[in-house]
Amino acid sequence: MIARGKNYSKLPMKQIPCKIGLRLRALRQSRKQTQASLAEECRQRGFTITRTKLAKYEIGTTQVPARFIPIIAHVLKADITDLLPPVGGEDRPNSKIALMRARNLSGKRIQFYRKKRKWTQRRLASVLRTMGISTTREIIANVESQRTRVRDYQLVYFAKALQIPLELLLPDFADYTKTFSVHHLRKIC
C-alpha cells in the first residue's frame, strides 16, 4: 500500500493508485454515503457493483470500468468530471476542502449580503421558502461555508431574496484564476 504524500510520478505504473477511485471515495464521503448504500443504488439501476468492488476501486487495486463512471456520478449526484482526473494531472486540489470550495464561489458573497441586510440564516431561509424554494437554515449555513454547491437557478433566487443584482453574487474573473486550475480555465476561455 502506498503511503500518503508520496510522489506518484516516481513510482512504477503498477503502484499508482487509480485517481478515479480516490475521487470516488472523496465524493462518496462528502455526501455521507456508505459503500454499501452506493452499491445498492447502483444495483437498483441494473449494474452489478458490490460493496467489495467499490472498496477495491477506492483503494486503487482495481480500475473503475468506464461504463460505471456515468452511473456512479449519477447516483452521487455529481458531474462526471468530478470523478475524472484532470488532463495532465496539473490541477489536483490540495485538499477535499479546496475541491469543495471550487464548486461554490458564491457562498461567501451570499453571506456578505445577508449580513449587510442584518438577516439571520433563518430569516433568509424563510424568505426563500415564501418564494417556493424548499430550504432550511442548515442548507444556508452549508452554502455560506462552501460545503454545498450552489446551482445557477439557486443563485437567481438568492439574488431575488436579498434584493440585489445577480452579478453581485458572481465572483470576478480574478477570483476564478485563483480558484480554478489551468485545466478548468481552458474550458472557460
C-alpha atoms as a PDB file:
ATOM      1  CA  MET A   1       0.000   0.000   0.000  1.00  0.00           C
ATOM      2  CA  ILE A   2       1.246   3.473  -0.847  1.00  0.00           C
ATOM      3  CA  ALA A   3       1.788   5.999   1.930  1.00  0.00           C
ATOM      4  CA  ARG A   4       0.026   9.341   1.672  1.00  0.00           C
ATOM      5  CA  GLY A   5       2.024  12.227   0.315  1.00  0.00           C
ATOM      6  CA  LYS A   6       4.213  10.120  -1.989  1.00  0.00           C
ATOM      7  CA  ASN A   7       5.230  11.496  -5.354  1.00  0.00           C
ATOM      8  CA  TYR A   8       3.252   9.241  -7.696  1.00  0.00           C
ATOM      9  CA  SER A   9       5.251  10.255 -10.763  1.00  0.00           C
ATOM     10  CA  LYS A  10       8.333   8.373  -9.468  1.00  0.00           C
ATOM     11  CA  LEU A  11       6.512   5.129  -8.713  1.00  0.00           C
ATOM     12  CA  PRO A  12       6.242   2.191 -11.119  1.00  0.00           C
ATOM     13  CA  MET A  13       2.987   2.220 -13.101  1.00  0.00           C
ATOM     14  CA  LYS A  14       1.536  -0.749 -11.168  1.00  0.00           C
ATOM     15  CA  GLN A  15       1.776   1.155  -7.873  1.00  0.00           C
ATOM     16  CA  ILE A  16      -0.002   4.323  -8.986  1.00  0.00           C
ATOM     17  CA  PRO A  17      -3.435   4.258  -7.332  1.00  0.00           C
ATOM     18  CA  CYS A  18      -6.446   4.814  -9.531  1.00  0.00           C
ATOM     19  CA  LYS A  19      -7.193   8.549  -9.354  1.00  0.00           C
ATOM     20  CA  ILE A  20     -10.837   7.934 -10.228  1.00  0.00           C
ATOM     21  CA  GLY A  21     -11.124   5.668  -7.199  1.00  0.00           C
ATOM     22  CA  LEU A  22      -9.613   8.307  -4.932  1.00  0.00           C
ATOM     23  CA  ARG A  23     -12.017  10.921  -6.274  1.00  0.00           C
ATOM     24  CA  LEU A  24     -14.893   8.451  -5.911  1.00  0.00           C
ATOM     25  CA  ARG A  25     -14.061   7.973  -2.234  1.00  0.00           C
ATOM     26  CA  ALA A  26     -13.845  11.737  -1.607  1.00  0.00           C
ATOM     27  CA  LEU A  27     -17.198  12.357  -3.332  1.00  0.00           C
ATOM     28  CA  ARG A  28     -18.913   9.476  -1.567  1.00  0.00           C
ATOM     29  CA  GLN A  29     -17.636  10.577   1.831  1.00  0.00           C
ATOM     30  CA  SER A  30     -18.532  14.221   1.219  1.00  0.00           C
ATOM     31  CA  ARG A  31     -22.108  13.078   0.581  1.00  0.00           C
ATOM     32  CA  LYS A  32     -22.073  10.986   3.780  1.00  0.00           C
ATOM     33  CA  GLN A  33     -22.859   7.819   1.839  1.00  0.00           C
ATOM     34  CA  THR A  34     -21.536   4.366   2.670  1.00  0.00           C
ATOM     35  CA  GLN A  35     -20.047   1.981   0.146  1.00  0.00           C
ATOM     36  CA  ALA A  36     -22.928  -0.402   0.788  1.00  0.00           C
ATOM     37  CA  SER A  37     -25.618   2.206   0.083  1.00  0.00           C
ATOM     38  CA  LEU A  38     -23.846   3.370  -3.092  1.00  0.00           C
ATOM     39  CA  ALA A  39     -23.532  -0.230  -4.291  1.00  0.00           C
ATOM     40  CA  GLU A  40     -27.215  -0.837  -3.557  1.00  0.00           C
ATOM     41  CA  GLU A  41     -28.291   2.224  -5.562  1.00  0.00           C
ATOM     42  CA  CYS A  42     -26.128   1.090  -8.496  1.00  0.00           C
ATOM     43  CA  ARG A  43     -27.640  -2.418  -8.327  1.00  0.00           C
ATOM     44  CA  GLN A  44     -31.140  -0.895  -8.365  1.00  0.00           C
ATOM     45  CA  ARG A  45     -30.195   0.679 -11.695  1.00  0.00           C
ATOM     46  CA  GLY A  46     -29.132  -2.717 -13.066  1.00  0.00           C
ATOM     47  CA  PHE A  47     -25.350  -2.533 -12.624  1.00  0.00           C
ATOM     48  CA  THR A  48     -23.534  -5.253 -10.742  1.00  0.00           C
ATOM     49  CA  ILE A  49     -21.396  -3.187  -8.411  1.00  0.00           C
ATOM     50  CA  THR A  50     -20.821  -4.674  -4.983  1.00  0.00           C
ATOM     51  CA  ARG A  51     -19.508  -3.014  -1.862  1.00  0.00           C
ATOM     52  CA  THR A  52     -16.315  -5.045  -2.231  1.00  0.00           C
ATOM     53  CA  LYS A  53     -15.811  -3.780  -5.782  1.00  0.00           C
ATOM     54  CA  LEU A  54     -16.304  -0.199  -4.637  1.00  0.00           C
ATOM     55  CA  ALA A  55     -13.730  -0.691  -1.884  1.00  0.00           C
ATOM     56  CA  LYS A  56     -11.236  -2.020  -4.446  1.00  0.00           C
ATOM     57  CA  TYR A  57     -11.940   0.939  -6.755  1.00  0.00           C
ATOM     58  CA  GLU A  58     -11.410   3.390  -3.908  1.00  0.00           C
ATOM     59  CA  ILE A  59      -8.113   1.963  -2.692  1.00  0.00           C
ATOM     60  CA  GLY A  60      -6.829   1.653  -6.236  1.00  0.00           C
ATOM     61  CA  THR A  61      -6.368  -2.099  -6.503  1.00  0.00           C
ATOM     62  CA  THR A  62      -8.921  -2.288  -9.335  1.00  0.00           C
ATOM     63  CA  GLN A  63      -9.559   0.196 -12.135  1.00  0.00           C
ATOM     64  CA  VAL A  64     -13.095   1.622 -12.358  1.00  0.00           C
ATOM     65  CA  PRO A  65     -14.647   0.391 -15.632  1.00  0.00           C
ATOM     66  CA  ALA A  66     -15.529   3.287 -17.922  1.00  0.00           C
ATOM     67  CA  ARG A  67     -19.155   2.126 -18.237  1.00  0.00           C
ATOM     68  CA  PHE A  68     -19.636   2.557 -14.466  1.00  0.00           C
ATOM     69  CA  ILE A  69     -18.334   6.136 -14.251  1.00  0.00           C
ATOM     70  CA  PRO A  70     -21.529   7.854 -15.512  1.00  0.00           C
ATOM     71  CA  ILE A  71     -23.700   5.602 -13.329  1.00  0.00           C
ATOM     72  CA  ILE A  72     -21.668   6.286 -10.192  1.00  0.00           C
ATOM     73  CA  ALA A  73     -21.626  10.032 -10.962  1.00  0.00           C
ATOM     74  CA  HIS A  74     -25.418   9.996 -11.426  1.00  0.00           C
ATOM     75  CA  VAL A  75     -26.033   8.105  -8.197  1.00  0.00           C
ATOM     76  CA  LEU A  76     -23.734  10.516  -6.303  1.00  0.00           C
ATOM     77  CA  LYS A  77     -25.499  13.469  -7.989  1.00  0.00           C
ATOM     78  CA  ALA A  78     -22.154  14.687  -9.296  1.00  0.00           C
ATOM     79  CA  ASP A  79     -20.741  15.615 -12.676  1.00  0.00           C
ATOM     80  CA  ILE A  80     -18.681  13.011 -14.491  1.00  0.00           C
ATOM     81  CA  THR A  81     -15.793  15.496 -14.485  1.00  0.00           C
ATOM     82  CA  ASP A  82     -15.799  15.349 -10.667  1.00  0.00           C
ATOM     83  CA  LEU A  83     -14.650  11.736 -10.925  1.00  0.00           C
ATOM     84  CA  LEU A  84     -12.209  12.101 -13.803  1.00  0.00           C
ATOM     85  CA  PRO A  85      -8.639  13.224 -13.142  1.00  0.00           C
ATOM     86  CA  PRO A  86      -7.525  16.416 -14.895  1.00  0.00           C
ATOM     87  CA  VAL A  87      -5.740  16.260 -18.217  1.00  0.00           C
ATOM     88  CA  GLY A  88      -2.036  16.081 -17.430  1.00  0.00           C
ATOM     89  CA  GLY A  89      -2.754  15.975 -13.696  1.00  0.00           C
ATOM     90  CA  GLU A  90      -1.978  19.675 -13.419  1.00  0.00           C
ATOM     91  CA  ASP A  91      -4.812  20.807 -11.171  1.00  0.00           C
ATOM     92  CA  ARG A  92      -5.111  18.387  -8.307  1.00  0.00           C
ATOM     93  CA  PRO A  93      -6.615  20.264  -5.336  1.00  0.00           C
ATOM     94  CA  ASN A  94      -4.501  20.162  -2.193  1.00  0.00           C
ATOM     95  CA  SER A  95      -7.410  19.006  -0.077  1.00  0.00           C
ATOM     96  CA  LYS A  96     -11.029  17.931  -0.078  1.00  0.00           C
ATOM     97  CA  ILE A  97     -11.925  21.383   1.251  1.00  0.00           C
ATOM     98  CA  ALA A  98     -10.236  23.064  -1.740  1.00  0.00           C
ATOM     99  CA  LEU A  99     -12.155  20.742  -4.074  1.00  0.00           C
ATOM    100  CA  MET A 100     -15.483  21.660  -2.440  1.00  0.00           C
ATOM    101  CA  ARG A 101     -14.755  25.404  -2.450  1.00  0.00           C
ATOM    102  CA  ALA A 102     -14.004  25.303  -6.175  1.00  0.00           C
ATOM    103  CA  ARG A 103     -17.617  24.218  -6.677  1.00  0.00           C
ATOM    104  CA  ASN A 104     -19.081  27.107  -4.682  1.00  0.00           C
ATOM    105  CA  LEU A 105     -17.658  30.522  -5.458  1.00  0.00           C
ATOM    106  CA  SER A 106     -20.726  32.474  -4.308  1.00  0.00           C
ATOM    107  CA  GLY A 107     -21.241  31.263  -0.743  1.00  0.00           C
ATOM    108  CA  LYS A 108     -19.120  33.955   0.887  1.00  0.00           C
ATOM    109  CA  ARG A 109     -20.844  36.652  -1.177  1.00  0.00           C
ATOM    110  CA  ILE A 110     -24.270  35.357  -0.156  1.00  0.00           C
ATOM    111  CA  GLN A 111     -23.116  35.528   3.470  1.00  0.00           C
ATOM    112  CA  PHE A 112     -21.788  39.086   2.986  1.00  0.00           C
ATOM    113  CA  TYR A 113     -25.048  40.428   1.524  1.00  0.00           C
ATOM    114  CA  ARG A 114     -27.161  38.556   4.092  1.00  0.00           C
ATOM    115  CA  LYS A 115     -25.185  40.138   6.926  1.00  0.00           C
ATOM    116  CA  LYS A 116     -25.339  43.520   5.201  1.00  0.00           C
ATOM    117  CA  ARG A 117     -29.150  43.299   5.405  1.00  0.00           C
ATOM    118  CA  LYS A 118     -28.758  42.233   9.068  1.00  0.00           C
ATOM    119  CA  TRP A 119     -30.602  38.981   8.406  1.00  0.00           C
ATOM    120  CA  THR A 120     -30.025  35.692  10.139  1.00  0.00           C
ATOM    121  CA  GLN A 121     -29.674  32.487   8.158  1.00  0.00           C
ATOM    122  CA  ARG A 122     -33.129  31.557   9.436  1.00  0.00           C
ATOM    123  CA  ARG A 123     -34.591  34.782   8.044  1.00  0.00           C
ATOM    124  CA  LEU A 124     -33.025  34.189   4.604  1.00  0.00           C
ATOM    125  CA  ALA A 125     -34.332  30.604   4.591  1.00  0.00           C
ATOM    126  CA  SER A 126     -37.790  31.911   5.488  1.00  0.00           C
ATOM    127  CA  VAL A 127     -37.751  34.446   2.629  1.00  0.00           C
ATOM    128  CA  LEU A 128     -36.635  31.738   0.185  1.00  0.00           C
ATOM    129  CA  ARG A 129     -39.441  29.451   1.386  1.00  0.00           C
ATOM    130  CA  THR A 130     -42.018  32.182   0.684  1.00  0.00           C
ATOM    131  CA  MET A 131     -40.618  32.228  -2.876  1.00  0.00           C
ATOM    132  CA  GLY A 132     -41.272  28.484  -3.162  1.00  0.00           C
ATOM    133  CA  ILE A 133     -37.715  27.263  -2.537  1.00  0.00           C
ATOM    134  CA  SER A 134     -37.564  24.432  -0.016  1.00  0.00           C
ATOM    135  CA  THR A 135     -34.636  25.313   2.235  1.00  0.00           C
ATOM    136  CA  THR A 136     -33.548  25.405   5.854  1.00  0.00           C
ATOM    137  CA  ARG A 137     -31.108  27.357   7.980  1.00  0.00           C
ATOM    138  CA  GLU A 138     -28.712  24.403   7.801  1.00  0.00           C
ATOM    139  CA  ILE A 139     -28.730  24.498   3.986  1.00  0.00           C
ATOM    140  CA  ILE A 140     -27.973  28.229   4.059  1.00  0.00           C
ATOM    141  CA  ALA A 141     -25.110  27.564   6.508  1.00  0.00           C
ATOM    142  CA  ASN A 142     -23.675  24.890   4.200  1.00  0.00           C
ATOM    143  CA  VAL A 143     -23.903  27.215   1.194  1.00  0.00           C
ATOM    144  CA  GLU A 144     -22.232  30.082   3.018  1.00  0.00           C
ATOM    145  CA  SER A 145     -19.439  27.888   4.372  1.00  0.00           C
ATOM    146  CA  GLN A 146     -18.950  26.483   0.846  1.00  0.00           C
ATOM    147  CA  ARG A 147     -19.690  22.883   1.883  1.00  0.00           C
ATOM    148  CA  THR A 148     -22.560  22.683  -0.626  1.00  0.00           C
ATOM    149  CA  ARG A 149     -22.733  23.518  -4.307  1.00  0.00           C
ATOM    150  CA  VAL A 150     -24.845  26.422  -5.454  1.00  0.00           C
ATOM    151  CA  ARG A 151     -26.702  25.749  -8.675  1.00  0.00           C
ATOM    152  CA  ASP A 152     -27.310  28.551 -11.170  1.00  0.00           C
ATOM    153  CA  TYR A 153     -31.080  28.659 -10.572  1.00  0.00           C
ATOM    154  CA  GLN A 154     -30.451  28.892  -6.822  1.00  0.00           C
ATOM    155  CA  LEU A 155     -28.290  31.969  -7.344  1.00  0.00           C
ATOM    156  CA  VAL A 156     -31.195  33.682  -9.068  1.00  0.00           C
ATOM    157  CA  TYR A 157     -33.404  33.104  -6.017  1.00  0.00           C
ATOM    158  CA  PHE A 158     -30.679  34.169  -3.574  1.00  0.00           C
ATOM    159  CA  ALA A 159     -30.255  37.429  -5.512  1.00  0.00           C
ATOM    160  CA  LYS A 160     -34.019  37.984  -5.610  1.00  0.00           C
ATOM    161  CA  ALA A 161     -34.403  37.253  -1.881  1.00  0.00           C
ATOM    162  CA  LEU A 162     -31.509  39.557  -0.955  1.00  0.00           C
ATOM    163  CA  GLN A 163     -32.837  42.185  -3.416  1.00  0.00           C
ATOM    164  CA  ILE A 164     -29.512  42.587  -5.193  1.00  0.00           C
ATOM    165  CA  PRO A 165     -28.436  42.160  -8.838  1.00  0.00           C
ATOM    166  CA  LEU A 166     -27.381  38.613  -9.686  1.00  0.00           C
ATOM    167  CA  GLU A 167     -23.952  39.847 -10.816  1.00  0.00           C
ATOM    168  CA  LEU A 168     -23.054  40.732  -7.222  1.00  0.00           C
ATOM    169  CA  LEU A 169     -23.160  37.037  -6.284  1.00  0.00           C
ATOM    170  CA  LEU A 170     -20.823  36.024  -9.098  1.00  0.00           C
ATOM    171  CA  PRO A 171     -17.082  36.264  -8.430  1.00  0.00           C
ATOM    172  CA  ASP A 172     -14.780  38.416 -10.526  1.00  0.00           C
ATOM    173  CA  PHE A 173     -12.714  36.662 -13.165  1.00  0.00           C
ATOM    174  CA  ALA A 174      -9.658  37.252 -10.957  1.00  0.00           C
ATOM    175  CA  ASP A 175     -11.331  35.043  -8.335  1.00  0.00           C
ATOM    176  CA  TYR A 176     -11.683  32.277 -10.935  1.00  0.00           C
ATOM    177  CA  THR A 177      -7.973  32.304 -11.695  1.00  0.00           C
ATOM    178  CA  LYS A 178      -7.176  31.828  -8.001  1.00  0.00           C
ATOM    179  CA  THR A 179      -9.678  29.024  -7.521  1.00  0.00           C
ATOM    180  CA  PHE A 180      -9.609  27.067 -10.755  1.00  0.00           C
ATOM    181  CA  SER A 181      -6.728  25.280 -12.314  1.00  0.00           C
ATOM    182  CA  VAL A 182      -5.193  25.772 -15.704  1.00  0.00           C
ATOM    183  CA  HIS A 183      -7.286  22.828 -16.957  1.00  0.00           C
ATOM    184  CA  HIS A 184     -10.584  24.432 -15.890  1.00  0.00           C
ATOM    185  CA  LEU A 185      -9.577  27.852 -17.251  1.00  0.00           C
ATOM    186  CA  ARG A 186      -9.004  26.347 -20.687  1.00  0.00           C
ATOM    187  CA  LYS A 187     -12.613  25.120 -20.631  1.00  0.00           C
ATOM    188  CA  ILE A 188     -13.928  28.533 -19.529  1.00  0.00           C
ATOM    189  CA  CYS A 189     -11.975  30.640 -22.033  1.00  0.00           C
END
